[in-house]
Amino acid sequence: MKFNDNIFNSELATQRRAEAVIANPPDTFDTLLKEYIALTGQYAKLLKQAIKLTSVGDGAQRKLMRIRNDLQERNIRIQAQKAKLEQLNQKLENASVTDPLTGLHNRRYFLSFIEGEFKTILTTPAPEIDFGPSLLFLLIDIDHFKVINDTWGHASGDKVLVQFCDLIRNASRKIDTLVRWGGEEFLMVCREADRGYGATLAERLRQGVADHRFDIGTDEPITCTCSIGFAYFPFIASFPTHMGWSQVLDLADQALYAAKNSGRNAWVGVNTVEPDHTRQNPPPSFHGLRELVASDWVALSSSLGDLNDVRL
């Protein structure tokens, strides 16, 4: 039998004895006094046991309170550590998709979002007489950047890169994505771009870079120029899936090299002809920009003015 069961049984027996005395009091005073003393002793014993039990309960309660407080403190520490880990993970994630020098996104970030953009373009209905929503891929390369590093050092080259990125940011819109593509080459992905935006943006960038004075900590600032190539996705409105985004980006890259081969400080854009919905078949597969230009599907645009000066 447990301790609390003993107390209960003893208390019940004492209560019944007291009730019996009250119901049938003894005939003599001495007998009544003896019963009273006996009952008082029993109640005193029960009271001591109750006090002891209460003390044990209070101790257990205090122990439980300490355990609860300890668990609460541990939970607070765990939540704080969890928050720190989440912040650290976010910082690591941001660092993994960000170029540390310029603060622009890197290729890893580009590859993480481009497929979603690709699907959005293809699932958005295009007007019958227009291309509909387009992505503009615009590649920018600093001309003769190696000369800057060789002449003034890599620290100065880094300063040029940072200032160059500021120029790109100032020319971009909030919906555009800027990527350091590698070395001194950068990629702008422009959403909701109409087919004339590439030439406007490329010229703004080309002229802005040419006019800028780059502060590299020397007595006099230096100047530099850039070359630009661009193309749009979808490449052909009536056959939007004929070329994937990687193929269109490759065309922009070939246009960039055409601008560099044509003397630098220039831009070259790859544009399809106006949508012709009477065409039933897509163009044949091409191996390069030269073949596309030779077809009747593509027209180049360039800051050079005379397209005969563009060297593919």
C-alpha atoms as a PDB file:
ATOM      1  CA  MET A   1       0.000   0.000   0.000  1.00  0.00           C
ATOM      2  CA  LYS A   2       1.298   3.416  -0.884  1.00  0.00           C
ATOM      3  CA  PHE A   3       1.985   6.235   1.567  1.00  0.00           C
ATOM      4  CA  ASN A   4      -0.955   8.362   0.449  1.00  0.00           C
ATOM      5  CA  ASP A   5      -3.277   5.324   0.642  1.00  0.00           C
ATOM      6  CA  ASN A   6      -2.302   4.850   4.320  1.00  0.00           C
ATOM      7  CA  ILE A   7      -3.112   8.459   5.080  1.00  0.00           C
ATOM      8  CA  PHE A   8      -6.453   8.220   3.361  1.00  0.00           C
ATOM      9  CA  ASN A   9      -7.439   5.019   5.181  1.00  0.00           C
ATOM     10  CA  SER A  10      -6.312   6.387   8.561  1.00  0.00           C
ATOM     11  CA  GLU A  11      -8.186   9.639   7.984  1.00  0.00           C
ATOM     12  CA  LEU A  12     -11.305   7.748   6.933  1.00  0.00           C
ATOM     13  CA  ALA A  13     -11.153   5.523  10.023  1.00  0.00           C
ATOM     14  CA  THR A  14     -10.669   8.529  12.312  1.00  0.00           C
ATOM     15  CA  GLN A  15     -13.540  10.368  10.678  1.00  0.00           C
ATOM     16  CA  ARG A  16     -15.877   7.387  11.127  1.00  0.00           C
ATOM     17  CA  ARG A  17     -14.830   7.022  14.768  1.00  0.00           C
ATOM     18  CA  ALA A  18     -15.520  10.713  15.360  1.00  0.00           C
ATOM     19  CA  GLU A  19     -18.905  10.445  13.647  1.00  0.00           C
ATOM     20  CA  ALA A  20     -19.754   7.424  15.813  1.00  0.00           C
ATOM     21  CA  VAL A  21     -18.872   9.314  18.997  1.00  0.00           C
ATOM     22  CA  ILE A  22     -21.003  12.251  17.917  1.00  0.00           C
ATOM     23  CA  ALA A  23     -23.903  10.005  16.976  1.00  0.00           C
ATOM     24  CA  ASN A  24     -23.686   7.928  20.158  1.00  0.00           C
ATOM     25  CA  PRO A  25     -21.797   9.862  22.851  1.00  0.00           C
ATOM     26  CA  PRO A  26     -20.491   7.829  25.807  1.00  0.00           C
ATOM     27  CA  ASP A  27     -22.558   7.816  28.966  1.00  0.00           C
ATOM     28  CA  THR A  28     -19.761   9.095  31.187  1.00  0.00           C
ATOM     29  CA  PHE A  29     -17.570  12.143  30.969  1.00  0.00           C
ATOM     30  CA  ASP A  30     -14.372  10.124  31.468  1.00  0.00           C
ATOM     31  CA  THR A  31     -15.186   7.850  28.569  1.00  0.00           C
ATOM     32  CA  LEU A  32     -15.995  10.859  26.365  1.00  0.00           C
ATOM     33  CA  LEU A  33     -12.732  12.527  27.383  1.00  0.00           C
ATOM     34  CA  LYS A  34     -10.759   9.423  26.481  1.00  0.00           C
ATOM     35  CA  GLU A  35     -12.413   9.281  23.054  1.00  0.00           C
ATOM     36  CA  TYR A  36     -11.741  12.962  22.546  1.00  0.00           C
ATOM     37  CA  ILE A  37      -8.066  12.594  23.480  1.00  0.00           C
ATOM     38  CA  ALA A  38      -7.708   9.564  21.218  1.00  0.00           C
ATOM     39  CA  LEU A  39      -9.347  11.332  18.288  1.00  0.00           C
ATOM     40  CA  THR A  40      -7.264  14.452  18.880  1.00  0.00           C
ATOM     41  CA  GLY A  41      -4.109  12.350  18.831  1.00  0.00           C
ATOM     42  CA  GLN A  42      -5.137  10.642  15.644  1.00  0.00           C
ATOM     43  CA  TYR A  43      -5.948  13.968  13.986  1.00  0.00           C
ATOM     44  CA  ALA A  44      -2.613  15.388  15.158  1.00  0.00           C
ATOM     45  CA  LYS A  45      -0.831  12.420  13.612  1.00  0.00           C
ATOM     46  CA  LEU A  46      -2.784  12.869  10.383  1.00  0.00           C
ATOM     47  CA  LEU A  47      -1.955  16.564  10.377  1.00  0.00           C
ATOM     48  CA  LYS A  48       1.766  15.812  10.711  1.00  0.00           C
ATOM     49  CA  GLN A  49       1.535  13.322   7.867  1.00  0.00           C
ATOM     50  CA  ALA A  50      -0.383  15.841   5.749  1.00  0.00           C
ATOM     51  CA  ILE A  51       2.217  18.506   6.469  1.00  0.00           C
ATOM     52  CA  LYS A  52       4.954  16.053   5.533  1.00  0.00           C
ATOM     53  CA  LEU A  53       3.104  15.092   2.358  1.00  0.00           C
ATOM     54  CA  THR A  54       2.553  18.752   1.494  1.00  0.00           C
ATOM     55  CA  SER A  55       6.238  19.403   2.070  1.00  0.00           C
ATOM     56  CA  VAL A  56       7.110  16.537  -0.247  1.00  0.00           C
ATOM     57  CA  GLY A  57       4.644  17.885  -2.810  1.00  0.00           C
ATOM     58  CA  ASP A  58       6.057  21.392  -2.499  1.00  0.00           C
ATOM     59  CA  GLY A  59       9.545  20.021  -3.037  1.00  0.00           C
ATOM     60  CA  ALA A  60       8.411  18.107  -6.075  1.00  0.00           C
ATOM     61  CA  GLN A  61       6.657  21.207  -7.366  1.00  0.00           C
ATOM     62  CA  ARG A  62       9.785  23.304  -6.856  1.00  0.00           C
ATOM     63  CA  LYS A  63      11.793  20.665  -8.666  1.00  0.00           C
ATOM     64  CA  LEU A  64       9.286  20.640 -11.518  1.00  0.00           C
ATOM     65  CA  MET A  65       9.436  24.437 -11.649  1.00  0.00           C
ATOM     66  CA  ARG A  66      13.234  24.284 -11.864  1.00  0.00           C
ATOM     67  CA  ILE A  67      12.958  21.689 -14.644  1.00  0.00           C
ATOM     68  CA  ARG A  68      10.385  23.818 -16.470  1.00  0.00           C
ATOM     69  CA  ASN A  69      12.509  26.957 -16.147  1.00  0.00           C
ATOM     70  CA  ASP A  70      15.553  25.035 -17.327  1.00  0.00           C
ATOM     71  CA  LEU A  71      13.633  23.724 -20.339  1.00  0.00           C
ATOM     72  CA  GLN A  72      12.382  27.223 -21.127  1.00  0.00           C
ATOM     73  CA  GLU A  73      15.917  28.611 -20.952  1.00  0.00           C
ATOM     74  CA  ARG A  74      17.184  25.777 -23.139  1.00  0.00           C
ATOM     75  CA  ASN A  75      14.380  26.408 -25.627  1.00  0.00           C
ATOM     76  CA  ILE A  76      15.283  30.106 -25.754  1.00  0.00           C
ATOM     77  CA  ARG A  77      18.940  29.224 -26.373  1.00  0.00           C
ATOM     78  CA  ILE A  78      17.978  26.670 -29.041  1.00  0.00           C
ATOM     79  CA  GLN A  79      15.712  29.185 -30.796  1.00  0.00           C
ATOM     80  CA  ALA A  80      18.488  31.788 -30.697  1.00  0.00           C
ATOM     81  CA  GLN A  81      20.983  29.276 -32.101  1.00  0.00           C
ATOM     82  CA  LYS A  82      18.453  28.283 -34.771  1.00  0.00           C
ATOM     83  CA  ALA A  83      17.993  31.929 -35.762  1.00  0.00           C
ATOM     84  CA  LYS A  84      21.770  32.394 -35.952  1.00  0.00           C
ATOM     85  CA  LEU A  85      22.110  29.254 -38.077  1.00  0.00           C
ATOM     86  CA  GLU A  86      19.357  30.454 -40.402  1.00  0.00           C
ATOM     87  CA  GLN A  87      21.086  33.829 -40.738  1.00  0.00           C
ATOM     88  CA  LEU A  88      24.402  32.085 -41.362  1.00  0.00           C
ATOM     89  CA  ASN A  89      22.816  29.790 -43.955  1.00  0.00           C
ATOM     90  CA  GLN A  90      21.274  32.813 -45.669  1.00  0.00           C
ATOM     91  CA  LYS A  91      24.640  34.573 -45.686  1.00  0.00           C
ATOM     92  CA  LEU A  92      26.303  31.462 -47.102  1.00  0.00           C
ATOM     93  CA  GLU A  93      23.570  31.145 -49.731  1.00  0.00           C
ATOM     94  CA  ASN A  94      23.948  34.813 -50.671  1.00  0.00           C
ATOM     95  CA  ALA A  95      27.722  34.433 -50.797  1.00  0.00           C
ATOM     96  CA  SER A  96      27.407  31.398 -53.044  1.00  0.00           C
ATOM     97  CA  VAL A  97      25.438  33.373 -55.650  1.00  0.00           C
ATOM     98  CA  THR A  98      27.189  36.745 -55.293  1.00  0.00           C
ATOM     99  CA  ASP A  99      30.453  38.015 -56.713  1.00  0.00           C
ATOM    100  CA  PRO A 100      32.427  39.284 -53.682  1.00  0.00           C
ATOM    101  CA  LEU A 101      34.203  42.110 -55.515  1.00  0.00           C
ATOM    102  CA  THR A 102      31.330  43.760 -57.353  1.00  0.00           C
ATOM    103  CA  GLY A 103      28.320  42.578 -55.373  1.00  0.00           C
ATOM    104  CA  LEU A 104      26.637  41.398 -58.567  1.00  0.00           C
ATOM    105  CA  HIS A 105      25.126  37.968 -58.992  1.00  0.00           C
ATOM    106  CA  ASN A 106      27.331  35.199 -60.374  1.00  0.00           C
ATOM    107  CA  ARG A 107      26.748  32.424 -62.900  1.00  0.00           C
ATOM    108  CA  ARG A 108      25.374  30.093 -60.244  1.00  0.00           C
ATOM    109  CA  TYR A 109      22.584  32.543 -59.496  1.00  0.00           C
ATOM    110  CA  PHE A 110      21.861  32.997 -63.193  1.00  0.00           C
ATOM    111  CA  LEU A 111      21.517  29.256 -63.707  1.00  0.00           C
ATOM    112  CA  SER A 112      19.177  29.011 -60.707  1.00  0.00           C
ATOM    113  CA  PHE A 113      16.609  31.447 -62.065  1.00  0.00           C
ATOM    114  CA  ILE A 114      16.867  31.326 -65.865  1.00  0.00           C
ATOM    115  CA  GLU A 115      14.829  28.140 -66.311  1.00  0.00           C
ATOM    116  CA  GLY A 116      11.922  29.748 -64.470  1.00  0.00           C
ATOM    117  CA  GLU A 117      12.136  32.837 -66.661  1.00  0.00           C
ATOM    118  CA  PHE A 118      12.322  30.585 -69.709  1.00  0.00           C
ATOM    119  CA  LYS A 119       9.085  28.818 -68.737  1.00  0.00           C
ATOM    120  CA  THR A 120       7.344  32.102 -67.943  1.00  0.00           C
ATOM    121  CA  ILE A 121       8.096  33.471 -71.391  1.00  0.00           C
ATOM    122  CA  LEU A 122       6.901  30.326 -73.136  1.00  0.00           C
ATOM    123  CA  THR A 123       3.659  30.089 -71.149  1.00  0.00           C
ATOM    124  CA  THR A 124       2.696  33.755 -71.576  1.00  0.00           C
ATOM    125  CA  PRO A 125       0.475  34.251 -74.639  1.00  0.00           C
ATOM    126  CA  ALA A 126       2.021  36.591 -77.200  1.00  0.00           C
ATOM    127  CA  PRO A 127      -0.072  39.030 -79.263  1.00  0.00           C
ATOM    128  CA  GLU A 128      -0.564  37.916 -82.841  1.00  0.00           C
ATOM    129  CA  ILE A 129       1.324  40.901 -84.262  1.00  0.00           C
ATOM    130  CA  ASP A 130       4.075  41.155 -81.688  1.00  0.00           C
ATOM    131  CA  PHE A 131       6.772  39.114 -79.979  1.00  0.00           C
ATOM    132  CA  GLY A 132       5.105  39.409 -76.591  1.00  0.00           C
ATOM    133  CA  PRO A 133       7.285  39.419 -73.464  1.00  0.00           C
ATOM    134  CA  SER A 134      10.974  39.016 -74.205  1.00  0.00           C
ATOM    135  CA  LEU A 135      14.226  38.511 -72.377  1.00  0.00           C
ATOM    136  CA  LEU A 136      17.147  40.575 -73.562  1.00  0.00           C
ATOM    137  CA  PHE A 137      20.570  38.966 -73.078  1.00  0.00           C
ATOM    138  CA  LEU A 138      23.206  41.689 -73.210  1.00  0.00           C
ATOM    139  CA  LEU A 139      26.884  40.780 -72.744  1.00  0.00           C
ATOM    140  CA  ILE A 140      29.396  43.525 -71.949  1.00  0.00           C
ATOM    141  CA  ASP A 141      33.186  43.200 -71.986  1.00  0.00           C
ATOM    142  CA  ILE A 142      35.754  45.806 -70.931  1.00  0.00           C
ATOM    143  CA  ASP A 143      38.149  46.415 -73.814  1.00  0.00           C
ATOM    144  CA  HIS A 144      41.872  45.769 -73.236  1.00  0.00           C
ATOM    145  CA  PHE A 145      41.336  45.073 -69.547  1.00  0.00           C
ATOM    146  CA  LYS A 146      44.558  43.061 -69.389  1.00  0.00           C
ATOM    147  CA  VAL A 147      46.461  46.223 -70.290  1.00  0.00           C
ATOM    148  CA  ILE A 148      44.940  47.955 -67.265  1.00  0.00           C
ATOM    149  CA  ASN A 149      46.058  45.137 -64.958  1.00  0.00           C
ATOM    150  CA  ASP A 150      49.522  44.955 -66.524  1.00  0.00           C
ATOM    151  CA  THR A 151      50.048  48.725 -66.437  1.00  0.00           C
ATOM    152  CA  TRP A 152      48.566  49.759 -63.090  1.00  0.00           C
ATOM    153  CA  GLY A 153      48.233  46.464 -61.239  1.00  0.00           C
ATOM    154  CA  HIS A 154      45.374  44.194 -60.282  1.00  0.00           C
ATOM    155  CA  ALA A 155      44.228  46.426 -57.411  1.00  0.00           C
ATOM    156  CA  SER A 156      43.646  49.213 -59.910  1.00  0.00           C
ATOM    157  CA  GLY A 157      41.927  46.745 -62.201  1.00  0.00           C
ATOM    158  CA  ASP A 158      39.566  45.845 -59.353  1.00  0.00           C
ATOM    159  CA  LYS A 159      38.712  49.524 -58.887  1.00  0.00           C
ATOM    160  CA  VAL A 160      37.853  49.761 -62.567  1.00  0.00           C
ATOM    161  CA  LEU A 161      35.608  46.698 -62.276  1.00  0.00           C
ATOM    162  CA  VAL A 162      33.734  48.140 -59.293  1.00  0.00           C
ATOM    163  CA  GLN A 163      33.170  51.498 -61.001  1.00  0.00           C
ATOM    164  CA  PHE A 164      32.217  49.751 -64.219  1.00  0.00           C
ATOM    165  CA  CYS A 165      29.539  47.819 -62.328  1.00  0.00           C
ATOM    166  CA  ASP A 166      28.193  51.063 -60.903  1.00  0.00           C
ATOM    167  CA  LEU A 167      27.722  52.308 -64.464  1.00  0.00           C
ATOM    168  CA  ILE A 168      25.834  49.134 -65.357  1.00  0.00           C
ATOM    169  CA  ARG A 169      23.619  49.444 -62.280  1.00  0.00           C
ATOM    170  CA  ASN A 170      22.774  53.036 -63.093  1.00  0.00           C
ATOM    171  CA  ALA A 171      21.744  52.031 -66.611  1.00  0.00           C
ATOM    172  CA  SER A 172      19.614  49.084 -65.484  1.00  0.00           C
ATOM    173  CA  ARG A 173      16.026  48.847 -64.301  1.00  0.00           C
ATOM    174  CA  LYS A 174      14.754  47.224 -61.113  1.00  0.00           C
ATOM    175  CA  ILE A 175      13.426  44.249 -63.063  1.00  0.00           C
ATOM    176  CA  ASP A 176      16.796  43.579 -64.720  1.00  0.00           C
ATOM    177  CA  THR A 177      19.303  41.042 -63.393  1.00  0.00           C
ATOM    178  CA  LEU A 178      23.019  41.845 -63.445  1.00  0.00           C
ATOM    179  CA  VAL A 179      25.597  39.063 -63.480  1.00  0.00           C
ATOM    180  CA  ARG A 180      29.374  39.037 -63.392  1.00  0.00           C
ATOM    181  CA  TRP A 181      29.828  36.490 -66.132  1.00  0.00           C
ATOM    182  CA  GLY A 182      33.556  36.067 -65.656  1.00  0.00           C
ATOM    183  CA  GLY A 183      36.624  38.275 -65.389  1.00  0.00           C
ATOM    184  CA  GLU A 184      35.810  41.578 -67.070  1.00  0.00           C
ATOM    185  CA  GLU A 185      32.680  40.254 -68.792  1.00  0.00           C
ATOM    186  CA  PHE A 186      29.162  40.991 -67.536  1.00  0.00           C
ATOM    187  CA  LEU A 187      25.657  39.881 -68.424  1.00  0.00           C
ATOM    188  CA  MET A 188      22.453  41.877 -68.207  1.00  0.00           C
ATOM    189  CA  VAL A 189      19.181  39.943 -68.352  1.00  0.00           C
ATOM    190  CA  CYS A 190      16.417  42.428 -69.079  1.00  0.00           C
ATOM    191  CA  ARG A 191      12.830  41.325 -68.585  1.00  0.00           C
ATOM    192  CA  GLU A 192       9.882  42.708 -70.544  1.00  0.00           C
ATOM    193  CA  ALA A 193      12.222  44.167 -73.150  1.00  0.00           C
ATOM    194  CA  ASP A 194      10.795  45.355 -76.444  1.00  0.00           C
ATOM    195  CA  ARG A 195      12.817  44.671 -79.568  1.00  0.00           C
ATOM    196  CA  GLY A 196      14.255  48.175 -79.707  1.00  0.00           C
ATOM    197  CA  TYR A 197      15.433  48.277 -76.126  1.00  0.00           C
ATOM    198  CA  GLY A 198      18.676  46.393 -76.756  1.00  0.00           C
ATOM    199  CA  ALA A 199      20.093  49.026 -79.119  1.00  0.00           C
ATOM    200  CA  THR A 200      19.049  51.868 -76.799  1.00  0.00           C
ATOM    201  CA  LEU A 201      20.573  50.248 -73.728  1.00  0.00           C
ATOM    202  CA  ALA A 202      23.746  49.131 -75.504  1.00  0.00           C
ATOM    203  CA  GLU A 203      24.436  52.638 -76.816  1.00  0.00           C
ATOM    204  CA  ARG A 204      23.751  54.182 -73.424  1.00  0.00           C
ATOM    205  CA  LEU A 205      26.249  51.795 -71.836  1.00  0.00           C
ATOM    206  CA  ARG A 206      28.861  52.159 -74.562  1.00  0.00           C
ATOM    207  CA  GLN A 207      28.756  55.956 -74.433  1.00  0.00           C
ATOM    208  CA  GLY A 208      28.567  56.072 -70.645  1.00  0.00           C
ATOM    209  CA  VAL A 209      31.678  53.918 -70.252  1.00  0.00           C
ATOM    210  CA  ALA A 210      33.608  55.862 -72.900  1.00  0.00           C
ATOM    211  CA  ASP A 211      32.808  59.170 -71.175  1.00  0.00           C
ATOM    212  CA  HIS A 212      33.586  57.968 -67.663  1.00  0.00           C
ATOM    213  CA  ARG A 213      36.827  58.770 -65.871  1.00  0.00           C
ATOM    214  CA  PHE A 214      37.890  55.828 -63.739  1.00  0.00           C
ATOM    215  CA  ASP A 215      39.551  56.780 -60.454  1.00  0.00           C
ATOM    216  CA  ILE A 216      42.262  54.229 -59.652  1.00  0.00           C
ATOM    217  CA  GLY A 217      44.149  56.345 -57.116  1.00  0.00           C
ATOM    218  CA  THR A 218      46.664  57.812 -59.568  1.00  0.00           C
ATOM    219  CA  ASP A 219      47.208  61.505 -60.275  1.00  0.00           C
ATOM    220  CA  GLU A 220      44.955  61.320 -63.297  1.00  0.00           C
ATOM    221  CA  PRO A 221      41.925  59.077 -63.833  1.00  0.00           C
ATOM    222  CA  ILE A 222      42.006  56.668 -66.735  1.00  0.00           C
ATOM    223  CA  THR A 223      39.526  55.914 -69.485  1.00  0.00           C
ATOM    224  CA  CYS A 224      38.425  52.688 -71.093  1.00  0.00           C
ATOM    225  CA  THR A 225      35.804  51.419 -73.497  1.00  0.00           C
ATOM    226  CA  CYS A 226      33.600  48.373 -73.747  1.00  0.00           C
ATOM    227  CA  SER A 227      32.181  46.058 -76.387  1.00  0.00           C
ATOM    228  CA  ILE A 228      28.631  44.724 -76.272  1.00  0.00           C
ATOM    229  CA  GLY A 229      26.620  41.982 -77.935  1.00  0.00           C
ATOM    230  CA  PHE A 230      22.959  41.206 -77.451  1.00  0.00           C
ATOM    231  CA  ALA A 231      20.118  38.947 -78.581  1.00  0.00           C
ATOM    232  CA  TYR A 232      16.526  38.292 -77.538  1.00  0.00           C
ATOM    233  CA  PHE A 233      14.612  35.292 -76.302  1.00  0.00           C
ATOM    234  CA  PRO A 234      12.378  34.008 -77.796  1.00  0.00           C
ATOM    235  CA  PHE A 235      14.517  34.450 -80.860  1.00  0.00           C
ATOM    236  CA  ILE A 236      11.706  33.879 -83.363  1.00  0.00           C
ATOM    237  CA  ALA A 237       8.198  34.884 -82.305  1.00  0.00           C
ATOM    238  CA  SER A 238       6.343  32.407 -84.482  1.00  0.00           C
ATOM    239  CA  PHE A 239       8.598  29.534 -83.327  1.00  0.00           C
ATOM    240  CA  PRO A 240       9.425  30.432 -79.691  1.00  0.00           C
ATOM    241  CA  THR A 241      10.859  27.009 -78.818  1.00  0.00           C
ATOM    242  CA  HIS A 242      13.110  26.767 -81.867  1.00  0.00           C
ATOM    243  CA  MET A 243      16.077  28.094 -79.872  1.00  0.00           C
ATOM    244  CA  GLY A 244      16.622  27.639 -76.155  1.00  0.00           C
ATOM    245  CA  TRP A 245      17.919  30.384 -73.901  1.00  0.00           C
ATOM    246  CA  SER A 246      21.459  28.954 -74.003  1.00  0.00           C
ATOM    247  CA  GLN A 247      21.519  29.151 -77.800  1.00  0.00           C
ATOM    248  CA  VAL A 248      20.286  32.742 -77.726  1.00  0.00           C
ATOM    249  CA  LEU A 249      22.899  33.598 -75.108  1.00  0.00           C
ATOM    250  CA  ASP A 250      25.518  32.048 -77.384  1.00  0.00           C
ATOM    251  CA  LEU A 251      24.326  34.339 -80.193  1.00  0.00           C
ATOM    252  CA  ALA A 252      24.772  37.327 -77.876  1.00  0.00           C
ATOM    253  CA  ASP A 253      28.289  36.088 -77.145  1.00  0.00           C
ATOM    254  CA  GLN A 254      29.061  35.795 -80.864  1.00  0.00           C
ATOM    255  CA  ALA A 255      27.689  39.309 -81.362  1.00  0.00           C
ATOM    256  CA  LEU A 256      30.009  40.523 -78.586  1.00  0.00           C
ATOM    257  CA  TYR A 257      33.021  39.044 -80.344  1.00  0.00           C
ATOM    258  CA  ALA A 258      31.847  40.574 -83.609  1.00  0.00           C
ATOM    259  CA  ALA A 259      31.900  43.967 -81.867  1.00  0.00           C
ATOM    260  CA  LYS A 260      35.419  43.316 -80.577  1.00  0.00           C
ATOM    261  CA  ASN A 261      36.601  42.056 -83.956  1.00  0.00           C
ATOM    262  CA  SER A 262      35.194  45.207 -85.535  1.00  0.00           C
ATOM    263  CA  GLY A 263      37.435  47.540 -83.549  1.00  0.00           C
ATOM    264  CA  ARG A 264      35.898  47.514 -80.040  1.00  0.00           C
ATOM    265  CA  ASN A 265      34.059  50.399 -78.378  1.00  0.00           C
ATOM    266  CA  ALA A 266      31.016  49.131 -80.255  1.00  0.00           C
ATOM    267  CA  TRP A 267      27.900  47.035 -79.935  1.00  0.00           C
ATOM    268  CA  VAL A 268      26.316  44.464 -82.222  1.00  0.00           C
ATOM    269  CA  GLY A 269      22.776  43.179 -81.838  1.00  0.00           C
ATOM    270  CA  VAL A 270      21.183  40.072 -83.317  1.00  0.00           C
ATOM    271  CA  ASN A 271      17.586  40.738 -84.311  1.00  0.00           C
ATOM    272  CA  THR A 272      15.079  38.556 -86.080  1.00  0.00           C
ATOM    273  CA  VAL A 273      13.005  40.080 -88.824  1.00  0.00           C
ATOM    274  CA  GLU A 274       9.493  41.232 -88.005  1.00  0.00           C
ATOM    275  CA  PRO A 275       7.166  38.324 -87.154  1.00  0.00           C
ATOM    276  CA  ASP A 276       5.845  36.677 -90.288  1.00  0.00           C
ATOM    277  CA  HIS A 277       2.989  34.388 -89.336  1.00  0.00           C
ATOM    278  CA  THR A 278       2.639  33.182 -92.893  1.00  0.00           C
ATOM    279  CA  ARG A 279       5.781  31.081 -92.478  1.00  0.00           C
ATOM    280  CA  GLN A 280       4.832  27.506 -91.801  1.00  0.00           C
ATOM    281  CA  ASN A 281       8.253  26.079 -90.973  1.00  0.00           C
ATOM    282  CA  PRO A 282      10.974  27.220 -88.582  1.00  0.00           C
ATOM    283  CA  PRO A 283      14.397  28.164 -89.935  1.00  0.00           C
ATOM    284  CA  PRO A 284      16.950  25.397 -90.333  1.00  0.00           C
ATOM    285  CA  SER A 285      19.410  24.794 -87.550  1.00  0.00           C
ATOM    286  CA  PHE A 286      22.418  27.068 -87.786  1.00  0.00           C
ATOM    287  CA  HIS A 287      25.923  26.558 -86.529  1.00  0.00           C
ATOM    288  CA  GLY A 288      26.796  30.193 -85.984  1.00  0.00           C
ATOM    289  CA  LEU A 289      25.966  33.852 -86.357  1.00  0.00           C
ATOM    290  CA  ARG A 290      27.472  34.031 -89.831  1.00  0.00           C
ATOM    291  CA  GLU A 291      24.971  31.471 -91.147  1.00  0.00           C
ATOM    292  CA  LEU A 292      22.069  33.225 -89.466  1.00  0.00           C
ATOM    293  CA  VAL A 293      22.998  36.532 -91.045  1.00  0.00           C
ATOM    294  CA  ALA A 294      23.174  34.830 -94.436  1.00  0.00           C
ATOM    295  CA  SER A 295      19.547  33.694 -93.998  1.00  0.00           C
ATOM    296  CA  ASP A 296      16.473  35.852 -94.368  1.00  0.00           C
ATOM    297  CA  TRP A 297      15.501  35.366 -90.739  1.00  0.00           C
ATOM    298  CA  VAL A 298      18.034  37.694 -89.116  1.00  0.00           C
ATOM    299  CA  ALA A 299      19.181  41.286 -89.353  1.00  0.00           C
ATOM    300  CA  LEU A 300      22.073  42.787 -87.414  1.00  0.00           C
ATOM    301  CA  SER A 301      22.127  46.187 -85.782  1.00  0.00           C
ATOM    302  CA  SER A 302      25.266  47.978 -84.651  1.00  0.00           C
ATOM    303  CA  SER A 303      26.696  51.224 -83.352  1.00  0.00           C
ATOM    304  CA  LEU A 304      29.107  51.076 -86.284  1.00  0.00           C
ATOM    305  CA  GLY A 305      26.422  52.415 -88.593  1.00  0.00           C
ATOM    306  CA  ASP A 306      27.602  50.649 -91.709  1.00  0.00           C
ATOM    307  CA  LEU A 307      26.885  46.960 -91.186  1.00  0.00           C
ATOM    308  CA  ASN A 308      29.588  46.161 -93.728  1.00  0.00           C
ATOM    309  CA  ASP A 309      32.054  47.182 -91.019  1.00  0.00           C
ATOM    310  CA  VAL A 310      30.824  44.405 -88.729  1.00  0.00           C
ATOM    311  CA  ARG A 311      33.299  41.517 -88.805  1.00  0.00           C
ATOM    312  CA  LEU A 312      31.706  38.244 -87.890  1.00  0.00           C
END
